[in-house]
Amino acid sequence: MKSSVALFILKIVCFAAIVLIAIGFGFMYLWNWLMPYIFQLPTISFFQGLGILLLSKLLFSGWGKKCCSNGCSTGGFWQQRWKKHTASLSEEEKARLKERIFSKCMRS
């Protein structure tokens, strides 16, 4: 039993390493193929490519789900406000509101 769990974990670690290496080399080759010709930037190494990917992940998406003090949120502020507003409306009122919003959005 323990050997099968250890083998499973080893497979996952090997798969993750292969995926990380493939993504790193793919990014490095794309960078070295495009960026020097388009923007006159220098070529980069494999580890520099991984560093740029990690930096872009941190800057643009963070580490994971954004959680509030009352648990993980299921939507943004406006989405929650919209759900709260429409919860008390009847089906007819929801349909009228939807039509009014779409008619305003579709005007040219």
N, C-alpha and C. Protein backbone atom coordinates (compact mmCIF):
# COMPACT_ATOMS: atom_id res chain seq x y z
N MET A 1 0.82 -1.19 0.00
CA MET A 1 0.00 0.00 0.00
C MET A 1 0.87 1.25 0.00
N LYS A 2 1.88 1.28 0.89
CA LYS A 2 2.75 2.45 0.97
C LYS A 2 3.56 2.63 -0.30
N SER A 3 3.96 1.53 -0.92
CA SER A 3 4.76 1.64 -2.13
C SER A 3 3.92 2.18 -3.29
N SER A 4 2.64 1.86 -3.33
CA SER A 4 1.80 2.38 -4.41
C SER A 4 1.55 3.88 -4.23
N VAL A 5 1.41 4.34 -2.98
CA VAL A 5 1.25 5.77 -2.72
C VAL A 5 2.54 6.51 -3.08
N ALA A 6 3.66 5.96 -2.70
CA ALA A 6 4.95 6.57 -3.01
C ALA A 6 5.16 6.61 -4.52
N LEU A 7 4.79 5.56 -5.22
CA LEU A 7 4.92 5.52 -6.67
C LEU A 7 4.00 6.57 -7.32
N PHE A 8 2.80 6.72 -6.80
CA PHE A 8 1.86 7.72 -7.31
C PHE A 8 2.42 9.12 -7.11
N ILE A 9 2.96 9.40 -5.94
CA ILE A 9 3.54 10.72 -5.67
C ILE A 9 4.75 10.96 -6.57
N LEU A 10 5.56 9.95 -6.78
CA LEU A 10 6.72 10.07 -7.66
C LEU A 10 6.29 10.38 -9.09
N LYS A 11 5.21 9.74 -9.55
CA LYS A 11 4.70 10.00 -10.89
C LYS A 11 4.22 11.44 -11.02
N ILE A 12 3.53 11.93 -10.00
CA ILE A 12 3.03 13.30 -10.04
C ILE A 12 4.19 14.29 -10.06
N VAL A 13 5.21 14.05 -9.25
CA VAL A 13 6.38 14.93 -9.21
C VAL A 13 7.10 14.91 -10.56
N CYS A 14 7.27 13.75 -11.15
CA CYS A 14 7.92 13.65 -12.46
C CYS A 14 7.11 14.36 -13.53
N PHE A 15 5.79 14.18 -13.51
CA PHE A 15 4.93 14.84 -14.49
C PHE A 15 5.00 16.35 -14.34
N ALA A 16 4.97 16.85 -13.10
CA ALA A 16 5.05 18.29 -12.86
C ALA A 16 6.39 18.83 -13.34
N ALA A 17 7.47 18.09 -13.10
CA ALA A 17 8.79 18.54 -13.55
C ALA A 17 8.85 18.58 -15.08
N ILE A 18 8.30 17.59 -15.74
CA ILE A 18 8.30 17.56 -17.21
C ILE A 18 7.49 18.72 -17.77
N VAL A 19 6.32 18.99 -17.17
CA VAL A 19 5.48 20.10 -17.62
C VAL A 19 6.20 21.43 -17.40
N LEU A 20 6.83 21.60 -16.24
CA LEU A 20 7.56 22.84 -15.95
C LEU A 20 8.71 23.05 -16.94
N ILE A 21 9.43 22.00 -17.24
CA ILE A 21 10.54 22.10 -18.19
C ILE A 21 10.02 22.42 -19.59
N ALA A 22 8.92 21.78 -19.99
CA ALA A 22 8.35 22.05 -21.32
C ALA A 22 7.85 23.48 -21.44
N ILE A 23 7.18 23.97 -20.41
CA ILE A 23 6.69 25.35 -20.44
C ILE A 23 7.87 26.32 -20.45
N GLY A 24 8.89 26.05 -19.64
CA GLY A 24 10.06 26.92 -19.59
C GLY A 24 10.78 27.00 -20.92
N PHE A 25 11.03 25.83 -21.55
CA PHE A 25 11.71 25.84 -22.83
C PHE A 25 10.84 26.45 -23.92
N GLY A 26 9.53 26.19 -23.87
CA GLY A 26 8.63 26.80 -24.85
C GLY A 26 8.64 28.31 -24.76
N PHE A 27 8.58 28.83 -23.54
CA PHE A 27 8.63 30.28 -23.35
C PHE A 27 9.97 30.84 -23.81
N MET A 28 11.05 30.16 -23.45
CA MET A 28 12.38 30.64 -23.83
C MET A 28 12.53 30.69 -25.35
N TYR A 29 12.09 29.64 -26.04
CA TYR A 29 12.22 29.62 -27.49
C TYR A 29 11.35 30.68 -28.15
N LEU A 30 10.13 30.86 -27.65
CA LEU A 30 9.28 31.91 -28.21
C LEU A 30 9.88 33.29 -27.98
N TRP A 31 10.40 33.52 -26.79
CA TRP A 31 11.03 34.82 -26.50
C TRP A 31 12.21 35.05 -27.44
N ASN A 32 13.09 34.06 -27.50
CA ASN A 32 14.30 34.21 -28.30
C ASN A 32 14.01 34.28 -29.80
N TRP A 33 12.87 33.78 -30.22
CA TRP A 33 12.49 33.83 -31.62
C TRP A 33 11.88 35.18 -31.98
N LEU A 34 11.04 35.73 -31.07
CA LEU A 34 10.29 36.93 -31.40
C LEU A 34 10.87 38.23 -30.84
N MET A 35 11.20 38.26 -29.57
CA MET A 35 11.53 39.53 -28.90
C MET A 35 12.78 40.22 -29.45
N PRO A 36 13.85 39.51 -29.78
CA PRO A 36 15.01 40.23 -30.33
C PRO A 36 14.70 40.92 -31.67
N TYR A 37 13.82 40.33 -32.47
CA TYR A 37 13.52 40.90 -33.78
C TYR A 37 12.48 42.01 -33.69
N ILE A 38 11.52 41.87 -32.78
CA ILE A 38 10.44 42.85 -32.70
C ILE A 38 10.85 44.06 -31.87
N PHE A 39 11.41 43.82 -30.69
CA PHE A 39 11.71 44.91 -29.75
C PHE A 39 13.20 45.10 -29.48
N GLN A 40 14.07 44.41 -30.18
CA GLN A 40 15.52 44.48 -30.00
C GLN A 40 15.93 44.18 -28.56
N LEU A 41 15.25 43.22 -27.94
CA LEU A 41 15.60 42.78 -26.59
C LEU A 41 16.61 41.64 -26.68
N PRO A 42 17.38 41.41 -25.61
CA PRO A 42 18.36 40.32 -25.66
C PRO A 42 17.69 38.96 -25.54
N THR A 43 18.42 37.93 -25.93
CA THR A 43 17.92 36.57 -25.74
C THR A 43 18.04 36.20 -24.27
N ILE A 44 17.27 35.19 -23.85
CA ILE A 44 17.26 34.79 -22.44
C ILE A 44 17.58 33.31 -22.32
N SER A 45 17.97 32.93 -21.11
CA SER A 45 18.24 31.52 -20.82
C SER A 45 16.98 30.85 -20.28
N PHE A 46 17.05 29.57 -20.06
CA PHE A 46 15.92 28.80 -19.54
C PHE A 46 15.47 29.34 -18.18
N PHE A 47 16.40 29.57 -17.28
CA PHE A 47 16.04 30.03 -15.93
C PHE A 47 15.53 31.47 -15.93
N GLN A 48 16.04 32.29 -16.84
CA GLN A 48 15.50 33.64 -16.97
C GLN A 48 14.06 33.59 -17.47
N GLY A 49 13.78 32.66 -18.37
CA GLY A 49 12.42 32.48 -18.86
C GLY A 49 11.48 32.04 -17.75
N LEU A 50 11.92 31.10 -16.91
CA LEU A 50 11.09 30.69 -15.77
C LEU A 50 10.88 31.85 -14.81
N GLY A 51 11.91 32.66 -14.62
CA GLY A 51 11.78 33.82 -13.74
C GLY A 51 10.78 34.83 -14.27
N ILE A 52 10.79 35.07 -15.59
CA ILE A 52 9.83 36.00 -16.19
C ILE A 52 8.42 35.44 -16.05
N LEU A 53 8.25 34.14 -16.26
CA LEU A 53 6.92 33.53 -16.10
C LEU A 53 6.42 33.66 -14.67
N LEU A 54 7.29 33.40 -13.69
CA LEU A 54 6.90 33.52 -12.29
C LEU A 54 6.56 34.97 -11.94
N LEU A 55 7.36 35.90 -12.41
CA LEU A 55 7.10 37.31 -12.15
C LEU A 55 5.77 37.76 -12.76
N SER A 56 5.50 37.33 -13.98
CA SER A 56 4.23 37.71 -14.60
C SER A 56 3.05 37.07 -13.88
N LYS A 57 3.21 35.86 -13.38
CA LYS A 57 2.16 35.21 -12.59
C LYS A 57 1.88 36.01 -11.32
N LEU A 58 2.93 36.44 -10.64
CA LEU A 58 2.76 37.21 -9.42
C LEU A 58 2.12 38.57 -9.69
N LEU A 59 2.56 39.24 -10.75
CA LEU A 59 2.08 40.58 -11.03
C LEU A 59 0.65 40.60 -11.54
N PHE A 60 0.28 39.64 -12.37
CA PHE A 60 -1.00 39.72 -13.05
C PHE A 60 -2.10 38.84 -12.47
N SER A 61 -1.77 37.81 -11.70
CA SER A 61 -2.87 36.98 -11.19
C SER A 61 -2.72 36.58 -9.73
N GLY A 62 -1.65 36.86 -9.09
CA GLY A 62 -1.50 36.50 -7.69
C GLY A 62 -1.23 35.02 -7.51
N TRP A 63 -1.42 34.54 -6.29
CA TRP A 63 -1.10 33.15 -5.97
C TRP A 63 -2.28 32.21 -6.07
N GLY A 64 -3.48 32.71 -6.10
CA GLY A 64 -4.62 31.80 -6.16
C GLY A 64 -5.91 32.54 -5.92
N LYS A 65 -6.88 31.83 -5.35
CA LYS A 65 -8.19 32.42 -5.11
C LYS A 65 -8.08 33.56 -4.12
N LYS A 66 -8.87 34.57 -4.38
CA LYS A 66 -8.95 35.68 -3.44
C LYS A 66 -10.03 35.36 -2.42
N CYS A 67 -9.68 35.33 -1.16
CA CYS A 67 -10.63 34.99 -0.12
C CYS A 67 -10.89 36.18 0.79
N CYS A 68 -12.10 36.26 1.26
CA CYS A 68 -12.48 37.31 2.19
C CYS A 68 -12.51 36.72 3.60
N SER A 69 -12.84 37.56 4.57
CA SER A 69 -12.89 37.07 5.95
C SER A 69 -14.04 36.08 6.15
N ASN A 70 -15.08 36.16 5.31
CA ASN A 70 -16.21 35.25 5.45
C ASN A 70 -16.12 34.07 4.49
N GLY A 71 -14.96 33.72 4.04
CA GLY A 71 -14.79 32.61 3.12
C GLY A 71 -14.47 33.12 1.72
N CYS A 72 -14.25 32.22 0.80
CA CYS A 72 -13.91 32.61 -0.56
C CYS A 72 -15.11 33.24 -1.24
N SER A 73 -14.86 34.30 -1.95
CA SER A 73 -15.96 35.00 -2.61
C SER A 73 -16.36 34.26 -3.88
N THR A 74 -17.62 34.37 -4.23
CA THR A 74 -18.13 33.72 -5.43
C THR A 74 -18.30 34.70 -6.57
N GLY A 75 -17.87 35.91 -6.39
CA GLY A 75 -17.98 36.91 -7.45
C GLY A 75 -17.50 38.25 -6.93
N GLY A 76 -17.42 39.18 -7.83
CA GLY A 76 -16.98 40.50 -7.46
C GLY A 76 -18.07 41.27 -6.72
N PHE A 77 -17.72 42.47 -6.33
CA PHE A 77 -18.64 43.32 -5.58
C PHE A 77 -19.92 43.57 -6.36
N TRP A 78 -19.79 43.93 -7.64
CA TRP A 78 -20.97 44.27 -8.43
C TRP A 78 -21.82 43.04 -8.70
N GLN A 79 -21.21 41.88 -8.88
CA GLN A 79 -21.98 40.65 -9.10
C GLN A 79 -22.79 40.30 -7.85
N GLN A 80 -22.19 40.44 -6.69
CA GLN A 80 -22.92 40.16 -5.45
C GLN A 80 -24.03 41.17 -5.24
N ARG A 81 -23.76 42.42 -5.56
CA ARG A 81 -24.78 43.46 -5.41
C ARG A 81 -25.95 43.21 -6.36
N TRP A 82 -25.65 42.77 -7.59
CA TRP A 82 -26.69 42.46 -8.57
C TRP A 82 -27.55 41.30 -8.08
N LYS A 83 -26.93 40.25 -7.56
CA LYS A 83 -27.69 39.10 -7.06
C LYS A 83 -28.58 39.50 -5.90
N LYS A 84 -28.07 40.35 -5.03
CA LYS A 84 -28.87 40.81 -3.90
C LYS A 84 -30.05 41.64 -4.37
N HIS A 85 -29.83 42.47 -5.38
CA HIS A 85 -30.88 43.33 -5.90
C HIS A 85 -31.97 42.51 -6.60
N THR A 86 -31.55 41.53 -7.41
CA THR A 86 -32.53 40.77 -8.19
C THR A 86 -33.19 39.65 -7.40
N ALA A 87 -32.70 39.34 -6.22
CA ALA A 87 -33.30 38.26 -5.43
C ALA A 87 -34.73 38.59 -5.02
N SER A 88 -35.03 39.85 -4.81
CA SER A 88 -36.37 40.23 -4.35
C SER A 88 -37.33 40.53 -5.50
N LEU A 89 -36.86 40.45 -6.74
CA LEU A 89 -37.72 40.76 -7.88
C LEU A 89 -38.47 39.53 -8.36
N SER A 90 -39.66 39.76 -8.90
CA SER A 90 -40.42 38.66 -9.51
C SER A 90 -39.83 38.36 -10.88
N GLU A 91 -40.30 37.28 -11.50
CA GLU A 91 -39.78 36.90 -12.83
C GLU A 91 -40.11 37.97 -13.87
N GLU A 92 -41.30 38.55 -13.78
CA GLU A 92 -41.69 39.60 -14.72
C GLU A 92 -40.79 40.83 -14.57
N GLU A 93 -40.52 41.20 -13.33
CA GLU A 93 -39.67 42.36 -13.09
C GLU A 93 -38.23 42.11 -13.56
N LYS A 94 -37.76 40.88 -13.35
CA LYS A 94 -36.42 40.53 -13.84
C LYS A 94 -36.35 40.62 -15.35
N ALA A 95 -37.38 40.13 -16.04
CA ALA A 95 -37.41 40.18 -17.50
C ALA A 95 -37.45 41.61 -17.99
N ARG A 96 -38.27 42.46 -17.36
CA ARG A 96 -38.35 43.87 -17.75
C ARG A 96 -37.01 44.58 -17.52
N LEU A 97 -36.40 44.33 -16.38
CA LEU A 97 -35.11 44.93 -16.07
C LEU A 97 -34.04 44.51 -17.07
N LYS A 98 -34.02 43.21 -17.38
CA LYS A 98 -33.06 42.69 -18.34
C LYS A 98 -33.24 43.35 -19.71
N GLU A 99 -34.50 43.45 -20.14
CA GLU A 99 -34.78 44.05 -21.43
C GLU A 99 -34.39 45.53 -21.45
N ARG A 100 -34.67 46.23 -20.37
CA ARG A 100 -34.30 47.64 -20.29
C ARG A 100 -32.77 47.82 -20.35
N ILE A 101 -32.06 46.97 -19.65
CA ILE A 101 -30.59 47.05 -19.66
C ILE A 101 -30.05 46.75 -21.04
N PHE A 102 -30.55 45.66 -21.67
CA PHE A 102 -30.04 45.30 -22.99
C PHE A 102 -30.41 46.33 -24.04
N SER A 103 -31.58 46.95 -23.93
CA SER A 103 -31.94 47.98 -24.90
C SER A 103 -31.02 49.19 -24.77
N LYS A 104 -30.62 49.52 -23.54
CA LYS A 104 -29.68 50.64 -23.36
C LYS A 104 -28.30 50.29 -23.89
N CYS A 105 -27.88 49.03 -23.70
CA CYS A 105 -26.55 48.62 -24.14
C CYS A 105 -26.46 48.47 -25.65
N MET A 106 -27.57 48.16 -26.31
CA MET A 106 -27.53 47.89 -27.74
C MET A 106 -27.77 49.13 -28.59
N ARG A 107 -27.99 50.27 -27.96
CA ARG A 107 -28.15 51.50 -28.74
C ARG A 107 -26.83 51.87 -29.39
N SER A 108 -26.93 52.45 -30.57
CA SER A 108 -25.69 52.85 -31.24
C SER A 108 -25.54 54.33 -31.30
